[in-house]
Amino acid sequence: LLLGLEFSPTVMLLMMLALIFVLGWPLEWVPIVLVVVPIF
């Protein structure tokens, strides 16, 4: 789904980091590293 958006690798990387940055506000690193990162 995300690859179908046809953004450049840099934009895609920024989007993923932005989501991780936002998730880091309410969540600890554990669920992000163990659940979110494997999805990416």
PDB file of all heavy atoms in Angstrom:
ATOM      1  N   LEU A   1       0.829  -1.204   0.000  1.00  0.00           N
ATOM      2  CA  LEU A   1       0.000   0.000   0.000  1.00  0.00           C
ATOM      3  C   LEU A   1       0.867   1.259   0.000  1.00  0.00           C
ATOM      4  O   LEU A   1       0.636   2.196  -0.786  1.00  0.00           O
ATOM      5  CB  LEU A   1      -0.926  -0.004   1.216  1.00  0.00           C
ATOM      6  CG  LEU A   1      -1.820   1.236   1.396  1.00  0.00           C
ATOM      7  CD1 LEU A   1      -2.819   1.337   0.262  1.00  0.00           C
ATOM      8  CD2 LEU A   1      -2.538   1.189   2.745  1.00  0.00           C
ATOM      9  N   LEU A   2       1.877   1.279   0.855  1.00  0.00           N
ATOM     10  CA  LEU A   2       2.741   2.454   0.942  1.00  0.00           C
ATOM     11  C   LEU A   2       3.619   2.593  -0.296  1.00  0.00           C
ATOM     12  O   LEU A   2       3.840   3.699  -0.796  1.00  0.00           O
ATOM     13  CB  LEU A   2       3.611   2.373   2.198  1.00  0.00           C
ATOM     14  CG  LEU A   2       2.857   2.483   3.533  1.00  0.00           C
ATOM     15  CD1 LEU A   2       3.811   2.312   4.701  1.00  0.00           C
ATOM     16  CD2 LEU A   2       2.152   3.840   3.638  1.00  0.00           C
ATOM     17  N   LEU A   3       4.122   1.461  -0.798  1.00  0.00           N
ATOM     18  CA  LEU A   3       4.956   1.517  -1.996  1.00  0.00           C
ATOM     19  C   LEU A   3       4.152   1.959  -3.209  1.00  0.00           C
ATOM     20  O   LEU A   3       4.689   2.554  -4.145  1.00  0.00           O
ATOM     21  CB  LEU A   3       5.599   0.151  -2.249  1.00  0.00           C
ATOM     22  CG  LEU A   3       6.687  -0.270  -1.252  1.00  0.00           C
ATOM     23  CD1 LEU A   3       7.075  -1.723  -1.472  1.00  0.00           C
ATOM     24  CD2 LEU A   3       7.915   0.636  -1.374  1.00  0.00           C
ATOM     25  N   GLY A   4       2.851   1.691  -3.195  1.00  0.00           N
ATOM     26  CA  GLY A   4       1.991   2.119  -4.294  1.00  0.00           C
ATOM     27  C   GLY A   4       1.817   3.624  -4.366  1.00  0.00           C
ATOM     28  O   GLY A   4       1.353   4.154  -5.394  1.00  0.00           O
ATOM     29  N   LEU A   5       2.185   4.334  -3.290  1.00  0.00           N
ATOM     30  CA  LEU A   5       2.097   5.803  -3.310  1.00  0.00           C
ATOM     31  C   LEU A   5       3.162   6.418  -4.203  1.00  0.00           C
ATOM     32  O   LEU A   5       3.070   7.599  -4.566  1.00  0.00           O
ATOM     33  CB  LEU A   5       2.237   6.347  -1.878  1.00  0.00           C
ATOM     34  CG  LEU A   5       1.165   5.878  -0.882  1.00  0.00           C
ATOM     35  CD1 LEU A   5       1.476   6.413   0.514  1.00  0.00           C
ATOM     36  CD2 LEU A   5      -0.221   6.353  -1.331  1.00  0.00           C
ATOM     37  N   GLU A   6       4.203   5.655  -4.505  1.00  0.00           N
ATOM     38  CA  GLU A   6       5.269   6.061  -5.434  1.00  0.00           C
ATOM     39  C   GLU A   6       6.004   7.314  -4.983  1.00  0.00           C
ATOM     40  O   GLU A   6       6.357   8.180  -5.781  1.00  0.00           O
ATOM     41  CB  GLU A   6       4.694   6.255  -6.846  1.00  0.00           C
ATOM     42  CG  GLU A   6       4.134   4.962  -7.439  1.00  0.00           C
ATOM     43  CD  GLU A   6       3.656   5.144  -8.867  1.00  0.00           C
ATOM     44  OE1 GLU A   6       3.645   6.295  -9.341  1.00  0.00           O
ATOM     45  OE2 GLU A   6       3.291   4.138  -9.496  1.00  0.00           O
ATOM     46  N   PHE A   7       6.220   7.434  -3.683  1.00  0.00           N
ATOM     47  CA  PHE A   7       7.067   8.509  -3.178  1.00  0.00           C
ATOM     48  C   PHE A   7       8.529   8.103  -3.325  1.00  0.00           C
ATOM     49  O   PHE A   7       8.853   6.925  -3.454  1.00  0.00           O
ATOM     50  CB  PHE A   7       6.760   8.801  -1.710  1.00  0.00           C
ATOM     51  CG  PHE A   7       5.421   9.446  -1.485  1.00  0.00           C
ATOM     52  CD1 PHE A   7       4.564   8.976  -0.503  1.00  0.00           C
ATOM     53  CD2 PHE A   7       5.007  10.529  -2.252  1.00  0.00           C
ATOM     54  CE1 PHE A   7       3.330   9.563  -0.281  1.00  0.00           C
ATOM     55  CE2 PHE A   7       3.775  11.124  -2.050  1.00  0.00           C
ATOM     56  CZ  PHE A   7       2.931  10.648  -1.065  1.00  0.00           C
ATOM     57  N   SER A   8       9.407   9.080  -3.268  1.00  0.00           N
ATOM     58  CA  SER A   8      10.841   8.790  -3.333  1.00  0.00           C
ATOM     59  C   SER A   8      11.267   8.093  -2.037  1.00  0.00           C
ATOM     60  O   SER A   8      10.601   8.225  -0.999  1.00  0.00           O
ATOM     61  CB  SER A   8      11.638  10.084  -3.510  1.00  0.00           C
ATOM     62  OG  SER A   8      11.547  10.888  -2.341  1.00  0.00           O
ATOM     63  N   PRO A   9      12.394   7.349  -2.068  1.00  0.00           N
ATOM     64  CA  PRO A   9      12.857   6.682  -0.841  1.00  0.00           C
ATOM     65  C   PRO A   9      13.066   7.646   0.323  1.00  0.00           C
ATOM     66  O   PRO A   9      12.772   7.302   1.473  1.00  0.00           O
ATOM     67  CB  PRO A   9      14.184   6.036  -1.284  1.00  0.00           C
ATOM     68  CG  PRO A   9      14.008   5.795  -2.748  1.00  0.00           C
ATOM     69  CD  PRO A   9      13.194   6.962  -3.243  1.00  0.00           C
ATOM     70  N   THR A  10      13.548   8.864   0.023  1.00  0.00           N
ATOM     71  CA  THR A  10      13.779   9.833   1.099  1.00  0.00           C
ATOM     72  C   THR A  10      12.476  10.247   1.768  1.00  0.00           C
ATOM     73  O   THR A  10      12.378  10.314   2.995  1.00  0.00           O
ATOM     74  CB  THR A  10      14.498  11.083   0.548  1.00  0.00           C
ATOM     75  OG1 THR A  10      15.739  10.690  -0.047  1.00  0.00           O
ATOM     76  CG2 THR A  10      14.767  12.076   1.665  1.00  0.00           C
ATOM     77  N   VAL A  11      11.452  10.486   0.950  1.00  0.00           N
ATOM     78  CA  VAL A  11      10.145  10.876   1.506  1.00  0.00           C
ATOM     79  C   VAL A  11       9.550   9.726   2.303  1.00  0.00           C
ATOM     80  O   VAL A  11       8.990   9.924   3.394  1.00  0.00           O
ATOM     81  CB  VAL A  11       9.191  11.317   0.374  1.00  0.00           C
ATOM     82  CG1 VAL A  11       7.789  11.563   0.926  1.00  0.00           C
ATOM     83  CG2 VAL A  11       9.715  12.575  -0.306  1.00  0.00           C
ATOM     84  N   MET A  12       9.671   8.509   1.786  1.00  0.00           N
ATOM     85  CA  MET A  12       9.151   7.353   2.507  1.00  0.00           C
ATOM     86  C   MET A  12       9.864   7.178   3.847  1.00  0.00           C
ATOM     87  O   MET A  12       9.235   6.883   4.878  1.00  0.00           O
ATOM     88  CB  MET A  12       9.315   6.085   1.667  1.00  0.00           C
ATOM     89  CG  MET A  12       8.452   6.051   0.423  1.00  0.00           C
ATOM     90  SD  MET A  12       6.691   5.898   0.792  1.00  0.00           S
ATOM     91  CE  MET A  12       6.644   4.240   1.416  1.00  0.00           C
ATOM     92  N   LEU A  13      11.181   7.373   3.840  1.00  0.00           N
ATOM     93  CA  LEU A  13      11.950   7.262   5.076  1.00  0.00           C
ATOM     94  C   LEU A  13      11.517   8.330   6.079  1.00  0.00           C
ATOM     95  O   LEU A  13      11.341   8.045   7.276  1.00  0.00           O
ATOM     96  CB  LEU A  13      13.443   7.386   4.771  1.00  0.00           C
ATOM     97  CG  LEU A  13      14.405   7.286   5.958  1.00  0.00           C
ATOM     98  CD1 LEU A  13      14.228   5.952   6.679  1.00  0.00           C
ATOM     99  CD2 LEU A  13      15.847   7.446   5.488  1.00  0.00           C
ATOM    100  N   LEU A  14      11.316   9.555   5.595  1.00  0.00           N
ATOM    101  CA  LEU A  14      10.856  10.631   6.476  1.00  0.00           C
ATOM    102  C   LEU A  14       9.481  10.316   7.058  1.00  0.00           C
ATOM    103  O   LEU A  14       9.214  10.600   8.238  1.00  0.00           O
ATOM    104  CB  LEU A  14      10.825  11.955   5.715  1.00  0.00           C
ATOM    105  CG  LEU A  14      12.181  12.622   5.454  1.00  0.00           C
ATOM    106  CD1 LEU A  14      12.018  13.793   4.500  1.00  0.00           C
ATOM    107  CD2 LEU A  14      12.796  13.092   6.773  1.00  0.00           C
ATOM    108  N   MET A  15       8.602   9.730   6.247  1.00  0.00           N
ATOM    109  CA  MET A  15       7.269   9.371   6.741  1.00  0.00           C
ATOM    110  C   MET A  15       7.359   8.315   7.846  1.00  0.00           C
ATOM    111  O   MET A  15       6.673   8.410   8.878  1.00  0.00           O
ATOM    112  CB  MET A  15       6.408   8.853   5.578  1.00  0.00           C
ATOM    113  CG  MET A  15       5.986   9.917   4.585  1.00  0.00           C
ATOM    114  SD  MET A  15       5.173   9.217   3.119  1.00  0.00           S
ATOM    115  CE  MET A  15       3.799   8.322   3.863  1.00  0.00           C
ATOM    116  N   MET A  16       8.206   7.311   7.647  1.00  0.00           N
ATOM    117  CA  MET A  16       8.352   6.267   8.662  1.00  0.00           C
ATOM    118  C   MET A  16       8.945   6.818   9.955  1.00  0.00           C
ATOM    119  O   MET A  16       8.487   6.507  11.055  1.00  0.00           O
ATOM    120  CB  MET A  16       9.221   5.126   8.112  1.00  0.00           C
ATOM    121  CG  MET A  16       8.542   4.290   7.038  1.00  0.00           C
ATOM    122  SD  MET A  16       9.517   2.864   6.499  1.00  0.00           S
ATOM    123  CE  MET A  16      10.745   3.660   5.458  1.00  0.00           C
ATOM    124  N   LEU A  17       9.977   7.662   9.812  1.00  0.00           N
ATOM    125  CA  LEU A  17      10.595   8.254  10.999  1.00  0.00           C
ATOM    126  C   LEU A  17       9.632   9.180  11.722  1.00  0.00           C
ATOM    127  O   LEU A  17       9.615   9.237  12.960  1.00  0.00           O
ATOM    128  CB  LEU A  17      11.872   9.011  10.613  1.00  0.00           C
ATOM    129  CG  LEU A  17      13.038   8.157  10.112  1.00  0.00           C
ATOM    130  CD1 LEU A  17      14.190   9.037   9.666  1.00  0.00           C
ATOM    131  CD2 LEU A  17      13.504   7.194  11.194  1.00  0.00           C
ATOM    132  N   ALA A  18       8.820   9.916  10.951  1.00  0.00           N
ATOM    133  CA  ALA A  18       7.833  10.810  11.565  1.00  0.00           C
ATOM    134  C   ALA A  18       6.821  10.014  12.383  1.00  0.00           C
ATOM    135  O   ALA A  18       6.449  10.410  13.501  1.00  0.00           O
ATOM    136  CB  ALA A  18       7.128  11.640  10.489  1.00  0.00           C
ATOM    137  N   LEU A  19       6.395   8.867  11.842  1.00  0.00           N
ATOM    138  CA  LEU A  19       5.440   8.032  12.571  1.00  0.00           C
ATOM    139  C   LEU A  19       6.073   7.478  13.841  1.00  0.00           C
ATOM    140  O   LEU A  19       5.444   7.481  14.918  1.00  0.00           O
ATOM    141  CB  LEU A  19       4.961   6.889  11.675  1.00  0.00           C
ATOM    142  CG  LEU A  19       3.967   5.916  12.315  1.00  0.00           C
ATOM    143  CD1 LEU A  19       2.724   6.646  12.791  1.00  0.00           C
ATOM    144  CD2 LEU A  19       3.598   4.803  11.342  1.00  0.00           C
ATOM    145  N   ILE A  20       7.320   7.023  13.746  1.00  0.00           N
ATOM    146  CA  ILE A  20       8.012   6.511  14.927  1.00  0.00           C
ATOM    147  C   ILE A  20       8.213   7.617  15.953  1.00  0.00           C
ATOM    148  O   ILE A  20       8.049   7.417  17.161  1.00  0.00           O
ATOM    149  CB  ILE A  20       9.371   5.892  14.516  1.00  0.00           C
ATOM    150  CG1 ILE A  20       9.136   4.601  13.726  1.00  0.00           C
ATOM    151  CG2 ILE A  20      10.241   5.611  15.731  1.00  0.00           C
ATOM    152  CD1 ILE A  20      10.373   4.024  13.101  1.00  0.00           C
ATOM    153  N   PHE A  21       8.543   8.824  15.468  1.00  0.00           N
ATOM    154  CA  PHE A  21       8.731   9.979  16.358  1.00  0.00           C
ATOM    155  C   PHE A  21       7.446  10.274  17.124  1.00  0.00           C
ATOM    156  O   PHE A  21       7.451  10.486  18.341  1.00  0.00           O
ATOM    157  CB  PHE A  21       9.157  11.190  15.533  1.00  0.00           C
ATOM    158  CG  PHE A  21       9.478  12.413  16.347  1.00  0.00           C
ATOM    159  CD1 PHE A  21      10.753  12.623  16.846  1.00  0.00           C
ATOM    160  CD2 PHE A  21       8.504  13.362  16.617  1.00  0.00           C
ATOM    161  CE1 PHE A  21      11.049  13.748  17.596  1.00  0.00           C
ATOM    162  CE2 PHE A  21       8.789  14.497  17.360  1.00  0.00           C
ATOM    163  CZ  PHE A  21      10.067  14.685  17.851  1.00  0.00           C
ATOM    164  N   VAL A  22       6.321  10.258  16.407  1.00  0.00           N
ATOM    165  CA  VAL A  22       5.030  10.543  17.046  1.00  0.00           C
ATOM    166  C   VAL A  22       4.644   9.424  18.013  1.00  0.00           C
ATOM    167  O   VAL A  22       4.169   9.674  19.129  1.00  0.00           O
ATOM    168  CB  VAL A  22       3.938  10.750  15.978  1.00  0.00           C
ATOM    169  CG1 VAL A  22       2.561  10.848  16.629  1.00  0.00           C
ATOM    170  CG2 VAL A  22       4.226  11.999  15.168  1.00  0.00           C
ATOM    171  N   LEU A  23       4.859   8.165  17.603  1.00  0.00           N
ATOM    172  CA  LEU A  23       4.535   7.047  18.478  1.00  0.00           C
ATOM    173  C   LEU A  23       5.400   7.049  19.737  1.00  0.00           C
ATOM    174  O   LEU A  23       4.995   6.530  20.785  1.00  0.00           O
ATOM    175  CB  LEU A  23       4.712   5.715  17.736  1.00  0.00           C
ATOM    176  CG  LEU A  23       3.669   5.382  16.666  1.00  0.00           C
ATOM    177  CD1 LEU A  23       4.052   4.110  15.925  1.00  0.00           C
ATOM    178  CD2 LEU A  23       2.285   5.234  17.294  1.00  0.00           C
ATOM    179  N   GLY A  24       6.598   7.628  19.624  1.00  0.00           N
ATOM    180  CA  GLY A  24       7.485   7.704  20.779  1.00  0.00           C
ATOM    181  C   GLY A  24       6.960   8.595  21.886  1.00  0.00           C
ATOM    182  O   GLY A  24       7.443   8.521  23.016  1.00  0.00           O
ATOM    183  N   TRP A  25       5.994   9.452  21.572  1.00  0.00           N
ATOM    184  CA  TRP A  25       5.432  10.329  22.608  1.00  0.00           C
ATOM    185  C   TRP A  25       4.572   9.550  23.601  1.00  0.00           C
ATOM    186  O   TRP A  25       4.787   9.662  24.807  1.00  0.00           O
ATOM    187  CB  TRP A  25       4.643  11.473  21.956  1.00  0.00           C
ATOM    188  CG  TRP A  25       5.522  12.509  21.336  1.00  0.00           C
ATOM    189  CD1 TRP A  25       6.521  12.296  20.433  1.00  0.00           C
ATOM    190  CD2 TRP A  25       5.499  13.918  21.573  1.00  0.00           C
ATOM    191  NE1 TRP A  25       7.120  13.482  20.084  1.00  0.00           N
ATOM    192  CE2 TRP A  25       6.512  14.499  20.774  1.00  0.00           C
ATOM    193  CE3 TRP A  25       4.718  14.755  22.372  1.00  0.00           C
ATOM    194  CZ2 TRP A  25       6.765  15.866  20.751  1.00  0.00           C
ATOM    195  CZ3 TRP A  25       4.966  16.123  22.350  1.00  0.00           C
ATOM    196  CH2 TRP A  25       5.983  16.672  21.553  1.00  0.00           C
ATOM    197  N   PRO A  26       3.594   8.752  23.132  1.00  0.00           N
ATOM    198  CA  PRO A  26       2.773   8.030  24.114  1.00  0.00           C
ATOM    199  C   PRO A  26       3.304   6.646  24.476  1.00  0.00           C
ATOM    200  O   PRO A  26       2.880   6.067  25.474  1.00  0.00           O
ATOM    201  CB  PRO A  26       1.423   7.904  23.398  1.00  0.00           C
ATOM    202  CG  PRO A  26       1.784   7.814  21.955  1.00  0.00           C
ATOM    203  CD  PRO A  26       3.013   8.650  21.769  1.00  0.00           C
ATOM    204  N   LEU A  27       4.231   6.071  23.655  1.00  0.00           N
ATOM    205  CA  LEU A  27       4.669   4.689  23.878  1.00  0.00           C
ATOM    206  C   LEU A  27       6.141   4.634  24.252  1.00  0.00           C
ATOM    207  O   LEU A  27       6.927   5.526  23.910  1.00  0.00           O
ATOM    208  CB  LEU A  27       4.447   3.856  22.612  1.00  0.00           C
ATOM    209  CG  LEU A  27       3.007   3.690  22.115  1.00  0.00           C
ATOM    210  CD1 LEU A  27       3.007   2.925  20.799  1.00  0.00           C
ATOM    211  CD2 LEU A  27       2.150   3.000  23.144  1.00  0.00           C
ATOM    212  N   GLU A  28       6.531   3.577  24.941  1.00  0.00           N
ATOM    213  CA  GLU A  28       7.937   3.295  25.184  1.00  0.00           C
ATOM    214  C   GLU A  28       8.550   2.681  23.916  1.00  0.00           C
ATOM    215  O   GLU A  28       7.856   2.365  22.951  1.00  0.00           O
ATOM    216  CB  GLU A  28       8.087   2.327  26.351  1.00  0.00           C
ATOM    217  CG  GLU A  28       7.637   2.887  27.696  1.00  0.00           C
ATOM    218  CD  GLU A  28       7.893   1.903  28.816  1.00  0.00           C
ATOM    219  OE1 GLU A  28       9.033   1.400  28.917  1.00  0.00           O
ATOM    220  OE2 GLU A  28       6.955   1.615  29.576  1.00  0.00           O
ATOM    221  N   TRP A  29       9.883   2.482  23.984  1.00  0.00           N
ATOM    222  CA  TRP A  29      10.564   1.949  22.804  1.00  0.00           C
ATOM    223  C   TRP A  29      10.212   0.485  22.546  1.00  0.00           C
ATOM    224  O   TRP A  29      10.284   0.017  21.410  1.00  0.00           O
ATOM    225  CB  TRP A  29      12.082   2.092  22.957  1.00  0.00           C
ATOM    226  CG  TRP A  29      12.718   1.297  24.064  1.00  0.00           C
ATOM    227  CD1 TRP A  29      12.990   1.718  25.333  1.00  0.00           C
ATOM    228  CD2 TRP A  29      13.169  -0.070  24.010  1.00  0.00           C
ATOM    229  NE1 TRP A  29      13.578   0.719  26.062  1.00  0.00           N
ATOM    230  CE2 TRP A  29      13.703  -0.383  25.279  1.00  0.00           C
ATOM    231  CE3 TRP A  29      13.173  -1.048  23.018  1.00  0.00           C
ATOM    232  CZ2 TRP A  29      14.236  -1.630  25.579  1.00  0.00           C
ATOM    233  CZ3 TRP A  29      13.696  -2.295  23.312  1.00  0.00           C
ATOM    234  CH2 TRP A  29      14.232  -2.578  24.578  1.00  0.00           C
ATOM    235  N   VAL A  30       9.816  -0.245  23.588  1.00  0.00           N
ATOM    236  CA  VAL A  30       9.629  -1.689  23.444  1.00  0.00           C
ATOM    237  C   VAL A  30       8.593  -2.048  22.373  1.00  0.00           C
ATOM    238  O   VAL A  30       8.903  -2.794  21.428  1.00  0.00           O
ATOM    239  CB  VAL A  30       9.261  -2.322  24.803  1.00  0.00           C
ATOM    240  CG1 VAL A  30       8.973  -3.802  24.627  1.00  0.00           C
ATOM    241  CG2 VAL A  30      10.388  -2.120  25.803  1.00  0.00           C
ATOM    242  N   PRO A  31       7.343  -1.553  22.455  1.00  0.00           N
ATOM    243  CA  PRO A  31       6.385  -1.943  21.412  1.00  0.00           C
ATOM    244  C   PRO A  31       6.736  -1.402  20.036  1.00  0.00           C
ATOM    245  O   PRO A  31       6.386  -2.017  19.017  1.00  0.00           O
ATOM    246  CB  PRO A  31       5.050  -1.356  21.916  1.00  0.00           C
ATOM    247  CG  PRO A  31       5.435  -0.267  22.842  1.00  0.00           C
ATOM    248  CD  PRO A  31       6.708  -0.699  23.478  1.00  0.00           C
ATOM    249  N   ILE A  32       7.438  -0.278  19.980  1.00  0.00           N
ATOM    250  CA  ILE A  32       7.801   0.293  18.677  1.00  0.00           C
ATOM    251  C   ILE A  32       8.850  -0.573  17.994  1.00  0.00           C
ATOM    252  O   ILE A  32       8.729  -0.929  16.818  1.00  0.00           O
ATOM    253  CB  ILE A  32       8.304   1.738  18.849  1.00  0.00           C
ATOM    254  CG1 ILE A  32       7.189   2.613  19.418  1.00  0.00           C
ATOM    255  CG2 ILE A  32       8.777   2.307  17.505  1.00  0.00           C
ATOM    256  CD1 ILE A  32       7.620   4.016  19.753  1.00  0.00           C
ATOM    257  N   VAL A  33       9.897  -0.950  18.741  1.00  0.00           N
ATOM    258  CA  VAL A  33      10.961  -1.776  18.164  1.00  0.00           C
ATOM    259  C   VAL A  33      10.452  -3.166  17.812  1.00  0.00           C
ATOM    260  O   VAL A  33      10.801  -3.727  16.771  1.00  0.00           O
ATOM    261  CB  VAL A  33      12.151  -1.860  19.142  1.00  0.00           C
ATOM    262  CG1 VAL A  33      13.130  -2.951  18.714  1.00  0.00           C
ATOM    263  CG2 VAL A  33      12.877  -0.527  19.222  1.00  0.00           C
ATOM    264  N   LEU A  34       9.614  -3.721  18.670  1.00  0.00           N
ATOM    265  CA  LEU A  34       9.225  -5.111  18.515  1.00  0.00           C
ATOM    266  C   LEU A  34       7.990  -5.319  17.649  1.00  0.00           C
ATOM    267  O   LEU A  34       7.757  -6.429  17.171  1.00  0.00           O
ATOM    268  CB  LEU A  34       8.986  -5.730  19.895  1.00  0.00           C
ATOM    269  CG  LEU A  34      10.206  -5.747  20.833  1.00  0.00           C
ATOM    270  CD1 LEU A  34       9.839  -6.309  22.181  1.00  0.00           C
ATOM    271  CD2 LEU A  34      11.363  -6.515  20.224  1.00  0.00           C
ATOM    272  N   VAL A  35       7.186  -4.267  17.445  1.00  0.00           N
ATOM    273  CA  VAL A  35       5.959  -4.419  16.657  1.00  0.00           C
ATOM    274  C   VAL A  35       5.979  -3.535  15.414  1.00  0.00           C
ATOM    275  O   VAL A  35       5.718  -3.999  14.297  1.00  0.00           O
ATOM    276  CB  VAL A  35       4.712  -4.099  17.517  1.00  0.00           C
ATOM    277  CG1 VAL A  35       3.453  -4.209  16.671  1.00  0.00           C
ATOM    278  CG2 VAL A  35       4.628  -5.031  18.719  1.00  0.00           C
ATOM    279  N   VAL A  36       6.282  -2.245  15.580  1.00  0.00           N
ATOM    280  CA  VAL A  36       6.187  -1.296  14.463  1.00  0.00           C
ATOM    281  C   VAL A  36       7.342  -1.460  13.472  1.00  0.00           C
ATOM    282  O   VAL A  36       7.126  -1.500  12.260  1.00  0.00           O
ATOM    283  CB  VAL A  36       6.130   0.150  14.990  1.00  0.00           C
ATOM    284  CG1 VAL A  36       6.086   1.144  13.832  1.00  0.00           C
ATOM    285  CG2 VAL A  36       4.917   0.343  15.893  1.00  0.00           C
ATOM    286  N   VAL A  37       8.567  -1.554  13.981  1.00  0.00           N
ATOM    287  CA  VAL A  37       9.737  -1.652  13.092  1.00  0.00           C
ATOM    288  C   VAL A  37       9.647  -2.868  12.165  1.00  0.00           C
ATOM    289  O   VAL A  37       9.924  -2.749  10.958  1.00  0.00           O
ATOM    290  CB  VAL A  37      11.040  -1.665  13.914  1.00  0.00           C
ATOM    291  CG1 VAL A  37      12.239  -2.023  13.027  1.00  0.00           C
ATOM    292  CG2 VAL A  37      11.274  -0.303  14.565  1.00  0.00           C
ATOM    293  N   PRO A  38       9.260  -4.069  12.656  1.00  0.00           N
ATOM    294  CA  PRO A  38       9.118  -5.195  11.715  1.00  0.00           C
ATOM    295  C   PRO A  38       8.105  -4.950  10.610  1.00  0.00           C
ATOM    296  O   PRO A  38       8.254  -5.493   9.504  1.00  0.00           O
ATOM    297  CB  PRO A  38       8.677  -6.351  12.628  1.00  0.00           C
ATOM    298  CG  PRO A  38       9.211  -5.998  13.969  1.00  0.00           C
ATOM    299  CD  PRO A  38       9.105  -4.512  14.061  1.00  0.00           C
ATOM    300  N   ILE A  39       7.068  -4.140  10.873  1.00  0.00           N
ATOM    301  CA  ILE A  39       6.098  -3.817   9.823  1.00  0.00           C
ATOM    302  C   ILE A  39       6.752  -3.001   8.722  1.00  0.00           C
ATOM    303  O   ILE A  39       6.429  -3.155   7.527  1.00  0.00           O
ATOM    304  CB  ILE A  39       4.899  -3.051  10.435  1.00  0.00           C
ATOM    305  CG1 ILE A  39       4.137  -3.958  11.407  1.00  0.00           C
ATOM    306  CG2 ILE A  39       3.962  -2.543   9.350  1.00  0.00           C
ATOM    307  CD1 ILE A  39       3.029  -3.251  12.158  1.00  0.00           C
ATOM    308  N   PHE A  40       7.701  -2.139   9.103  1.00  0.00           N
ATOM    309  CA  PHE A  40       8.379  -1.290   8.115  1.00  0.00           C
ATOM    310  C   PHE A  40       9.482  -2.019   7.349  1.00  0.00           C
ATOM    311  O   PHE A  40       9.941  -1.534   6.308  1.00  0.00           O
ATOM    312  CB  PHE A  40       8.995  -0.064   8.806  1.00  0.00           C
ATOM    313  CG  PHE A  40       7.988   0.955   9.250  1.00  0.00           C
ATOM    314  CD1 PHE A  40       8.263   1.810  10.309  1.00  0.00           C
ATOM    315  CD2 PHE A  40       6.764   1.079   8.606  1.00  0.00           C
ATOM    316  CE1 PHE A  40       7.336   2.757  10.720  1.00  0.00           C
ATOM    317  CE2 PHE A  40       5.836   2.027   9.006  1.00  0.00           C
ATOM    318  CZ  PHE A  40       6.121   2.857  10.063  1.00  0.00           C
TER     319      PHE A  40
END
